[in-house]
Amino acid sequence: MLRDDIGDTKRAKLLRLYDLFPFHGHPLWVAVKSGELTYDQVIRAEAQHWVRTRAGQPLRRAALNHAKKISPSLFELLLETYIEECTHDKSGPSHLDLIERLVTMGGWTKPDLEATVPTPANAAAMALYRDIGARGAPGATCSALRLWNSITVSCPLKSLKRILSDMV
């Protein structure tokens, strides 16, 4: 299936999700842009991002496999994100590789990264993602749409699930 075969309506619904969770409004990004964080704090935050992204790769793979069984359109939408997030190929490094590069350029080593213990908030977020993913297609879609850093316990999950369930 070609990307253009997905349909404008479904693509528009997906893109509306970014309106709910705009990256430029993410608290970490706002703090970085305003200079509220030190260099070390940014590197430490990215180390947590690396932990979360690494933990998310199997969840994304499971979401992709699940989507393939239930909807070719959903599979096609998730595939592009899966490739970007989880694979290192001729098009470039994966998201995880880019985060690792940033943190190691910031002075950390790979063993430092691998020894990083998730903060309580990061551990809670990863548990939430696993739980959402275990609920089926809407959860699988959430994880693959880069909502990782935007969904919190206070997220309007009912409206998000309704939007996503309309797609499958």
N, C-alpha and C. Protein backbone atom coordinates (compact mmCIF):
# COMPACT_ATOMS: atom_id res chain seq x y z
N MET A 1 0.84 -1.17 0.00
CA MET A 1 0.00 0.00 0.00
C MET A 1 0.90 1.24 0.00
N LEU A 2 0.58 2.16 -0.83
CA LEU A 2 1.33 3.41 -0.89
C LEU A 2 0.83 4.36 0.19
N ARG A 3 1.70 5.23 0.61
CA ARG A 3 1.34 6.21 1.65
C ARG A 3 0.10 7.00 1.25
N ASP A 4 -0.04 7.34 -0.03
CA ASP A 4 -1.18 8.13 -0.50
C ASP A 4 -2.49 7.36 -0.45
N ASP A 5 -2.42 6.02 -0.32
CA ASP A 5 -3.62 5.21 -0.29
C ASP A 5 -4.30 5.21 1.07
N ILE A 6 -3.70 5.83 2.04
CA ILE A 6 -4.24 5.80 3.40
C ILE A 6 -5.53 6.59 3.49
N GLY A 7 -5.60 7.67 2.80
CA GLY A 7 -6.82 8.48 2.81
C GLY A 7 -6.63 9.76 3.59
N ASP A 8 -7.14 10.84 3.01
CA ASP A 8 -6.98 12.15 3.63
C ASP A 8 -7.71 12.27 4.96
N THR A 9 -8.86 11.61 5.08
CA THR A 9 -9.63 11.72 6.32
C THR A 9 -8.87 11.11 7.49
N LYS A 10 -8.34 9.92 7.32
CA LYS A 10 -7.60 9.28 8.40
C LYS A 10 -6.33 10.05 8.72
N ARG A 11 -5.64 10.53 7.70
CA ARG A 11 -4.43 11.31 7.92
C ARG A 11 -4.76 12.58 8.70
N ALA A 12 -5.85 13.24 8.35
CA ALA A 12 -6.25 14.46 9.04
C ALA A 12 -6.56 14.17 10.51
N LYS A 13 -7.22 13.04 10.78
CA LYS A 13 -7.51 12.68 12.17
C LYS A 13 -6.22 12.46 12.95
N LEU A 14 -5.27 11.80 12.33
CA LEU A 14 -3.99 11.59 13.00
C LEU A 14 -3.28 12.90 13.29
N LEU A 15 -3.25 13.77 12.31
CA LEU A 15 -2.55 15.04 12.48
C LEU A 15 -3.21 15.90 13.55
N ARG A 16 -4.52 15.74 13.75
CA ARG A 16 -5.20 16.50 14.81
C ARG A 16 -4.68 16.12 16.19
N LEU A 17 -4.14 14.91 16.32
CA LEU A 17 -3.58 14.50 17.61
C LEU A 17 -2.42 15.40 18.01
N TYR A 18 -1.66 15.87 17.04
CA TYR A 18 -0.56 16.77 17.36
C TYR A 18 -1.08 18.10 17.89
N ASP A 19 -2.30 18.48 17.53
CA ASP A 19 -2.88 19.70 18.09
C ASP A 19 -3.19 19.52 19.58
N LEU A 20 -3.55 18.29 19.97
CA LEU A 20 -3.81 18.01 21.38
C LEU A 20 -2.53 18.05 22.20
N PHE A 21 -1.42 17.63 21.59
CA PHE A 21 -0.15 17.50 22.30
C PHE A 21 0.98 18.18 21.52
N PRO A 22 0.95 19.50 21.39
CA PRO A 22 1.97 20.18 20.58
C PRO A 22 3.35 20.11 21.23
N PHE A 23 4.34 19.74 20.44
CA PHE A 23 5.69 19.61 20.97
C PHE A 23 6.20 20.93 21.54
N HIS A 24 5.93 22.03 20.86
CA HIS A 24 6.47 23.31 21.32
C HIS A 24 5.92 23.71 22.69
N GLY A 25 4.86 23.04 23.16
CA GLY A 25 4.32 23.33 24.47
C GLY A 25 4.77 22.33 25.54
N HIS A 26 5.60 21.36 25.15
CA HIS A 26 6.07 20.36 26.11
C HIS A 26 6.89 21.07 27.19
N PRO A 27 6.63 20.78 28.46
CA PRO A 27 7.32 21.50 29.54
C PRO A 27 8.85 21.44 29.45
N LEU A 28 9.40 20.31 29.05
CA LEU A 28 10.86 20.23 28.95
C LEU A 28 11.38 21.16 27.86
N TRP A 29 10.72 21.15 26.71
CA TRP A 29 11.15 22.01 25.61
C TRP A 29 11.03 23.48 26.00
N VAL A 30 9.96 23.85 26.67
CA VAL A 30 9.78 25.23 27.11
C VAL A 30 10.91 25.62 28.07
N ALA A 31 11.26 24.72 28.99
CA ALA A 31 12.34 25.00 29.95
C ALA A 31 13.69 25.12 29.25
N VAL A 32 13.94 24.29 28.25
CA VAL A 32 15.20 24.38 27.49
C VAL A 32 15.27 25.72 26.76
N LYS A 33 14.20 26.06 26.06
CA LYS A 33 14.19 27.29 25.27
C LYS A 33 14.31 28.55 26.15
N SER A 34 13.79 28.49 27.35
CA SER A 34 13.83 29.67 28.22
C SER A 34 15.11 29.74 29.06
N GLY A 35 15.96 28.73 28.95
CA GLY A 35 17.22 28.72 29.69
C GLY A 35 17.07 28.36 31.15
N GLU A 36 15.96 27.74 31.52
CA GLU A 36 15.73 27.38 32.92
C GLU A 36 16.54 26.16 33.36
N LEU A 37 17.05 25.39 32.41
CA LEU A 37 17.79 24.18 32.75
C LEU A 37 19.27 24.36 32.46
N THR A 38 20.09 23.75 33.29
CA THR A 38 21.52 23.75 33.03
C THR A 38 21.84 22.73 31.94
N TYR A 39 23.02 22.82 31.42
CA TYR A 39 23.49 21.85 30.42
C TYR A 39 23.39 20.43 30.97
N ASP A 40 23.86 20.24 32.20
CA ASP A 40 23.82 18.92 32.82
C ASP A 40 22.39 18.41 32.97
N GLN A 41 21.46 19.29 33.32
CA GLN A 41 20.07 18.88 33.46
C GLN A 41 19.48 18.43 32.11
N VAL A 42 19.86 19.12 31.05
CA VAL A 42 19.37 18.73 29.72
C VAL A 42 19.92 17.36 29.35
N ILE A 43 21.20 17.14 29.60
CA ILE A 43 21.81 15.84 29.28
C ILE A 43 21.17 14.74 30.12
N ARG A 44 20.93 15.01 31.38
CA ARG A 44 20.27 14.01 32.25
C ARG A 44 18.84 13.72 31.77
N ALA A 45 18.14 14.75 31.35
CA ALA A 45 16.78 14.55 30.82
C ALA A 45 16.84 13.70 29.55
N GLU A 46 17.83 13.94 28.71
CA GLU A 46 17.96 13.14 27.49
C GLU A 46 18.37 11.70 27.80
N ALA A 47 19.11 11.49 28.88
CA ALA A 47 19.42 10.12 29.30
C ALA A 47 18.13 9.40 29.68
N GLN A 48 17.23 10.10 30.36
CA GLN A 48 15.92 9.51 30.68
C GLN A 48 15.12 9.25 29.40
N HIS A 49 15.21 10.16 28.46
CA HIS A 49 14.56 10.00 27.15
C HIS A 49 15.09 8.73 26.47
N TRP A 50 16.39 8.51 26.56
CA TRP A 50 17.01 7.31 25.98
C TRP A 50 16.44 6.05 26.63
N VAL A 51 16.34 6.05 27.97
CA VAL A 51 15.80 4.90 28.69
C VAL A 51 14.37 4.63 28.22
N ARG A 52 13.56 5.67 28.13
CA ARG A 52 12.16 5.54 27.73
C ARG A 52 12.04 5.09 26.28
N THR A 53 12.87 5.63 25.41
CA THR A 53 12.81 5.26 24.00
C THR A 53 13.25 3.82 23.80
N ARG A 54 14.30 3.41 24.49
CA ARG A 54 14.76 2.02 24.39
C ARG A 54 13.68 1.06 24.88
N ALA A 55 13.04 1.40 26.00
CA ALA A 55 11.97 0.55 26.54
C ALA A 55 10.78 0.51 25.60
N GLY A 56 10.58 1.57 24.83
CA GLY A 56 9.44 1.64 23.93
C GLY A 56 9.59 0.87 22.64
N GLN A 57 10.81 0.52 22.27
CA GLN A 57 10.99 -0.17 20.98
C GLN A 57 10.22 -1.47 20.88
N PRO A 58 10.26 -2.35 21.88
CA PRO A 58 9.45 -3.58 21.77
C PRO A 58 7.95 -3.29 21.74
N LEU A 59 7.52 -2.23 22.43
CA LEU A 59 6.11 -1.86 22.40
C LEU A 59 5.70 -1.39 21.01
N ARG A 60 6.57 -0.64 20.37
CA ARG A 60 6.29 -0.18 19.00
C ARG A 60 6.24 -1.37 18.04
N ARG A 61 7.14 -2.31 18.22
CA ARG A 61 7.16 -3.51 17.37
C ARG A 61 5.86 -4.29 17.55
N ALA A 62 5.42 -4.44 18.80
CA ALA A 62 4.17 -5.14 19.08
C ALA A 62 2.98 -4.40 18.47
N ALA A 63 3.00 -3.06 18.58
CA ALA A 63 1.92 -2.25 17.99
C ALA A 63 1.86 -2.44 16.48
N LEU A 64 3.03 -2.47 15.86
CA LEU A 64 3.09 -2.66 14.42
C LEU A 64 2.54 -4.03 14.03
N ASN A 65 2.94 -5.07 14.76
CA ASN A 65 2.45 -6.41 14.47
C ASN A 65 0.95 -6.52 14.68
N HIS A 66 0.45 -5.88 15.72
CA HIS A 66 -0.99 -5.90 15.99
C HIS A 66 -1.74 -5.16 14.89
N ALA A 67 -1.24 -4.01 14.50
CA ALA A 67 -1.91 -3.21 13.46
C ALA A 67 -1.97 -3.97 12.13
N LYS A 68 -0.92 -4.72 11.83
CA LYS A 68 -0.89 -5.48 10.58
C LYS A 68 -2.05 -6.48 10.52
N LYS A 69 -2.42 -7.03 11.67
CA LYS A 69 -3.50 -8.02 11.73
C LYS A 69 -4.89 -7.39 11.62
N ILE A 70 -5.03 -6.13 12.04
CA ILE A 70 -6.37 -5.56 12.10
C ILE A 70 -6.68 -4.51 11.04
N SER A 71 -5.65 -3.85 10.50
CA SER A 71 -5.95 -2.77 9.55
C SER A 71 -4.72 -2.43 8.71
N PRO A 72 -4.79 -2.68 7.40
CA PRO A 72 -3.67 -2.29 6.53
C PRO A 72 -3.39 -0.78 6.59
N SER A 73 -4.44 0.02 6.73
CA SER A 73 -4.24 1.47 6.80
C SER A 73 -3.48 1.86 8.06
N LEU A 74 -3.89 1.29 9.18
CA LEU A 74 -3.22 1.58 10.44
C LEU A 74 -1.77 1.09 10.40
N PHE A 75 -1.56 -0.10 9.85
CA PHE A 75 -0.21 -0.63 9.71
C PHE A 75 0.67 0.33 8.91
N GLU A 76 0.16 0.83 7.82
CA GLU A 76 0.93 1.75 6.98
C GLU A 76 1.29 3.03 7.73
N LEU A 77 0.35 3.53 8.52
CA LEU A 77 0.62 4.73 9.29
C LEU A 77 1.69 4.49 10.35
N LEU A 78 1.65 3.33 10.98
CA LEU A 78 2.60 3.03 12.05
C LEU A 78 3.98 2.65 11.53
N LEU A 79 4.02 2.08 10.34
CA LEU A 79 5.28 1.60 9.79
C LEU A 79 6.32 2.72 9.65
N GLU A 80 5.90 3.84 9.13
CA GLU A 80 6.84 4.95 8.94
C GLU A 80 7.44 5.40 10.28
N THR A 81 6.61 5.51 11.29
CA THR A 81 7.10 5.91 12.60
C THR A 81 8.00 4.83 13.19
N TYR A 82 7.61 3.58 13.02
CA TYR A 82 8.42 2.47 13.53
C TYR A 82 9.82 2.52 12.91
N ILE A 83 9.88 2.71 11.60
CA ILE A 83 11.18 2.75 10.92
C ILE A 83 12.03 3.91 11.46
N GLU A 84 11.40 5.07 11.61
CA GLU A 84 12.13 6.24 12.11
C GLU A 84 12.60 6.05 13.55
N GLU A 85 11.75 5.50 14.38
CA GLU A 85 12.04 5.38 15.80
C GLU A 85 12.96 4.20 16.13
N CYS A 86 12.83 3.10 15.39
CA CYS A 86 13.42 1.84 15.84
C CYS A 86 14.48 1.24 14.93
N THR A 87 14.71 1.80 13.78
CA THR A 87 15.69 1.18 12.89
C THR A 87 16.78 2.16 12.50
N HIS A 88 17.92 1.61 12.24
CA HIS A 88 19.07 2.37 11.74
C HIS A 88 19.33 1.81 10.35
N ASP A 89 19.05 2.61 9.33
CA ASP A 89 19.21 2.11 7.97
C ASP A 89 19.87 3.16 7.09
N LYS A 90 19.80 2.97 5.80
CA LYS A 90 20.48 3.88 4.88
C LYS A 90 19.93 5.31 4.95
N SER A 91 18.71 5.47 5.47
CA SER A 91 18.15 6.81 5.59
C SER A 91 18.72 7.57 6.78
N GLY A 92 19.36 6.84 7.69
CA GLY A 92 19.97 7.50 8.83
C GLY A 92 19.79 6.74 10.12
N PRO A 93 20.27 7.34 11.20
CA PRO A 93 20.19 6.68 12.50
C PRO A 93 18.76 6.69 13.04
N SER A 94 18.50 5.78 13.97
CA SER A 94 17.20 5.74 14.64
C SER A 94 17.11 6.88 15.66
N HIS A 95 15.92 7.09 16.15
CA HIS A 95 15.71 8.08 17.21
C HIS A 95 16.58 7.75 18.42
N LEU A 96 16.62 6.48 18.79
CA LEU A 96 17.44 6.04 19.92
C LEU A 96 18.92 6.36 19.67
N ASP A 97 19.39 6.10 18.46
CA ASP A 97 20.78 6.40 18.12
C ASP A 97 21.08 7.90 18.24
N LEU A 98 20.13 8.72 17.81
CA LEU A 98 20.33 10.18 17.89
C LEU A 98 20.39 10.66 19.34
N ILE A 99 19.53 10.12 20.17
CA ILE A 99 19.55 10.49 21.58
C ILE A 99 20.88 10.06 22.20
N GLU A 100 21.29 8.84 21.89
CA GLU A 100 22.56 8.33 22.43
C GLU A 100 23.72 9.21 21.98
N ARG A 101 23.71 9.61 20.74
CA ARG A 101 24.78 10.49 20.24
C ARG A 101 24.81 11.80 21.01
N LEU A 102 23.64 12.39 21.23
CA LEU A 102 23.56 13.65 21.97
C LEU A 102 24.12 13.50 23.39
N VAL A 103 23.70 12.43 24.06
CA VAL A 103 24.12 12.24 25.46
C VAL A 103 25.62 11.93 25.54
N THR A 104 26.13 11.12 24.62
CA THR A 104 27.56 10.81 24.67
C THR A 104 28.40 12.03 24.27
N MET A 105 27.88 12.86 23.38
CA MET A 105 28.58 14.11 23.08
C MET A 105 28.55 15.05 24.28
N GLY A 106 27.58 14.84 25.15
CA GLY A 106 27.47 15.63 26.37
C GLY A 106 28.34 15.11 27.50
N GLY A 107 29.14 14.06 27.22
CA GLY A 107 30.09 13.59 28.22
C GLY A 107 29.79 12.24 28.85
N TRP A 108 28.66 11.68 28.55
CA TRP A 108 28.33 10.37 29.12
C TRP A 108 28.92 9.27 28.24
N THR A 109 29.03 8.08 28.81
CA THR A 109 29.47 6.90 28.05
C THR A 109 28.27 5.98 27.85
N LYS A 110 28.43 5.02 26.95
CA LYS A 110 27.35 4.04 26.75
C LYS A 110 27.07 3.28 28.05
N PRO A 111 28.10 2.84 28.80
CA PRO A 111 27.82 2.19 30.09
C PRO A 111 27.05 3.11 31.06
N ASP A 112 27.34 4.43 31.02
CA ASP A 112 26.58 5.36 31.86
C ASP A 112 25.10 5.30 31.49
N LEU A 113 24.83 5.34 30.19
CA LEU A 113 23.44 5.28 29.72
C LEU A 113 22.77 3.99 30.15
N GLU A 114 23.47 2.89 29.93
CA GLU A 114 22.88 1.58 30.24
C GLU A 114 22.64 1.41 31.74
N ALA A 115 23.38 2.13 32.56
CA ALA A 115 23.20 2.05 34.01
C ALA A 115 22.18 3.05 34.54
N THR A 116 21.62 3.86 33.66
CA THR A 116 20.66 4.89 34.09
C THR A 116 19.40 4.24 34.64
N VAL A 117 19.03 4.65 35.83
CA VAL A 117 17.81 4.16 36.47
C VAL A 117 16.70 5.17 36.16
N PRO A 118 15.56 4.69 35.71
CA PRO A 118 14.47 5.63 35.42
C PRO A 118 14.06 6.41 36.66
N THR A 119 13.76 7.67 36.48
CA THR A 119 13.19 8.45 37.58
C THR A 119 11.80 7.88 37.87
N PRO A 120 11.24 8.17 39.03
CA PRO A 120 9.88 7.67 39.30
C PRO A 120 8.87 8.09 38.23
N ALA A 121 8.96 9.33 37.76
CA ALA A 121 8.02 9.79 36.72
C ALA A 121 8.24 9.04 35.41
N ASN A 122 9.50 8.80 35.06
CA ASN A 122 9.80 8.08 33.83
C ASN A 122 9.32 6.63 33.93
N ALA A 123 9.54 6.00 35.08
CA ALA A 123 9.07 4.63 35.29
C ALA A 123 7.55 4.57 35.21
N ALA A 124 6.87 5.56 35.78
CA ALA A 124 5.41 5.60 35.72
C ALA A 124 4.93 5.79 34.28
N ALA A 125 5.61 6.67 33.53
CA ALA A 125 5.23 6.88 32.13
C ALA A 125 5.39 5.60 31.33
N MET A 126 6.50 4.89 31.52
CA MET A 126 6.72 3.64 30.78
C MET A 126 5.68 2.60 31.15
N ALA A 127 5.29 2.55 32.42
CA ALA A 127 4.25 1.60 32.83
C ALA A 127 2.92 1.97 32.18
N LEU A 128 2.63 3.26 32.10
CA LEU A 128 1.41 3.72 31.44
C LEU A 128 1.41 3.32 29.97
N TYR A 129 2.53 3.49 29.29
CA TYR A 129 2.61 3.13 27.87
C TYR A 129 2.38 1.64 27.67
N ARG A 130 2.99 0.82 28.55
CA ARG A 130 2.78 -0.63 28.44
C ARG A 130 1.31 -0.96 28.63
N ASP A 131 0.67 -0.32 29.60
CA ASP A 131 -0.74 -0.57 29.87
C ASP A 131 -1.60 -0.13 28.69
N ILE A 132 -1.34 1.05 28.15
CA ILE A 132 -2.11 1.54 27.01
C ILE A 132 -1.93 0.58 25.83
N GLY A 133 -0.69 0.18 25.57
CA GLY A 133 -0.42 -0.73 24.46
C GLY A 133 -1.13 -2.06 24.62
N ALA A 134 -1.27 -2.53 25.85
CA ALA A 134 -1.93 -3.81 26.10
C ALA A 134 -3.43 -3.75 25.85
N ARG A 135 -3.98 -2.55 25.71
CA ARG A 135 -5.42 -2.40 25.51
C ARG A 135 -5.83 -2.57 24.05
N GLY A 136 -4.89 -2.69 23.13
CA GLY A 136 -5.24 -2.93 21.75
C GLY A 136 -4.92 -1.78 20.83
N ALA A 137 -5.66 -1.70 19.73
CA ALA A 137 -5.37 -0.77 18.64
C ALA A 137 -5.23 0.67 19.06
N PRO A 138 -6.15 1.25 19.86
CA PRO A 138 -5.94 2.65 20.23
C PRO A 138 -4.64 2.87 20.99
N GLY A 139 -4.32 1.99 21.91
CA GLY A 139 -3.07 2.12 22.65
C GLY A 139 -1.87 1.93 21.77
N ALA A 140 -1.96 0.97 20.86
CA ALA A 140 -0.86 0.73 19.93
C ALA A 140 -0.63 1.97 19.07
N THR A 141 -1.70 2.59 18.65
CA THR A 141 -1.58 3.80 17.84
C THR A 141 -0.95 4.93 18.63
N CYS A 142 -1.36 5.08 19.89
CA CYS A 142 -0.78 6.13 20.73
C CYS A 142 0.73 6.02 20.78
N SER A 143 1.20 4.80 21.04
CA SER A 143 2.64 4.64 21.20
C SER A 143 3.38 4.96 19.93
N ALA A 144 2.81 4.65 18.81
CA ALA A 144 3.50 4.84 17.55
C ALA A 144 3.37 6.25 17.01
N LEU A 145 2.55 7.06 17.59
CA LEU A 145 2.36 8.43 17.11
C LEU A 145 3.18 9.46 17.87
N ARG A 146 4.19 9.02 18.51
CA ARG A 146 5.10 9.89 19.24
C ARG A 146 4.41 10.72 20.31
N LEU A 147 3.43 10.10 20.95
CA LEU A 147 2.80 10.77 22.07
C LEU A 147 3.52 10.42 23.37
N TRP A 148 4.62 9.68 23.24
CA TRP A 148 5.38 9.20 24.40
C TRP A 148 5.67 10.30 25.39
N ASN A 149 6.05 11.44 24.89
CA ASN A 149 6.48 12.51 25.79
C ASN A 149 5.37 13.48 26.13
N SER A 150 4.16 13.22 25.64
CA SER A 150 3.06 14.14 25.88
C SER A 150 1.95 13.56 26.73
N ILE A 151 1.76 12.24 26.68
CA ILE A 151 0.66 11.64 27.42
C ILE A 151 1.03 11.57 28.89
N THR A 152 0.13 12.05 29.73
CA THR A 152 0.31 11.94 31.18
C THR A 152 -0.95 11.33 31.75
N VAL A 153 -0.93 11.08 33.02
CA VAL A 153 -2.11 10.49 33.65
C VAL A 153 -3.33 11.39 33.47
N SER A 154 -3.13 12.69 33.37
CA SER A 154 -4.26 13.60 33.22
C SER A 154 -4.71 13.76 31.77
N CYS A 155 -4.09 13.06 30.86
CA CYS A 155 -4.44 13.14 29.44
C CYS A 155 -5.90 12.74 29.22
N PRO A 156 -6.60 13.44 28.32
CA PRO A 156 -7.98 13.07 28.02
C PRO A 156 -8.02 11.79 27.17
N LEU A 157 -7.74 10.66 27.79
CA LEU A 157 -7.64 9.41 27.05
C LEU A 157 -8.94 9.00 26.38
N LYS A 158 -10.08 9.35 26.98
CA LYS A 158 -11.35 8.96 26.36
C LYS A 158 -11.49 9.61 24.99
N SER A 159 -11.18 10.92 24.89
CA SER A 159 -11.30 11.55 23.58
C SER A 159 -10.25 11.04 22.62
N LEU A 160 -9.05 10.77 23.12
CA LEU A 160 -8.00 10.22 22.27
C LEU A 160 -8.40 8.85 21.74
N LYS A 161 -8.92 8.00 22.62
CA LYS A 161 -9.35 6.67 22.18
C LYS A 161 -10.49 6.77 21.16
N ARG A 162 -11.41 7.71 21.36
CA ARG A 162 -12.52 7.86 20.42
C ARG A 162 -11.99 8.26 19.04
N ILE A 163 -11.06 9.19 18.99
CA ILE A 163 -10.49 9.61 17.71
C ILE A 163 -9.80 8.44 17.03
N LEU A 164 -9.01 7.70 17.81
CA LEU A 164 -8.25 6.60 17.25
C LEU A 164 -9.15 5.44 16.85
N SER A 165 -10.18 5.15 17.61
CA SER A 165 -11.05 4.03 17.28
C SER A 165 -11.83 4.30 16.00
N ASP A 166 -12.05 5.56 15.66
CA ASP A 166 -12.70 5.89 14.39
C ASP A 166 -11.83 5.55 13.20
N MET A 167 -10.54 5.38 13.42
CA MET A 167 -9.62 5.14 12.30
C MET A 167 -9.59 3.68 11.88
N VAL A 168 -9.90 2.76 12.78
CA VAL A 168 -9.76 1.33 12.46
C VAL A 168 -11.08 0.70 12.11
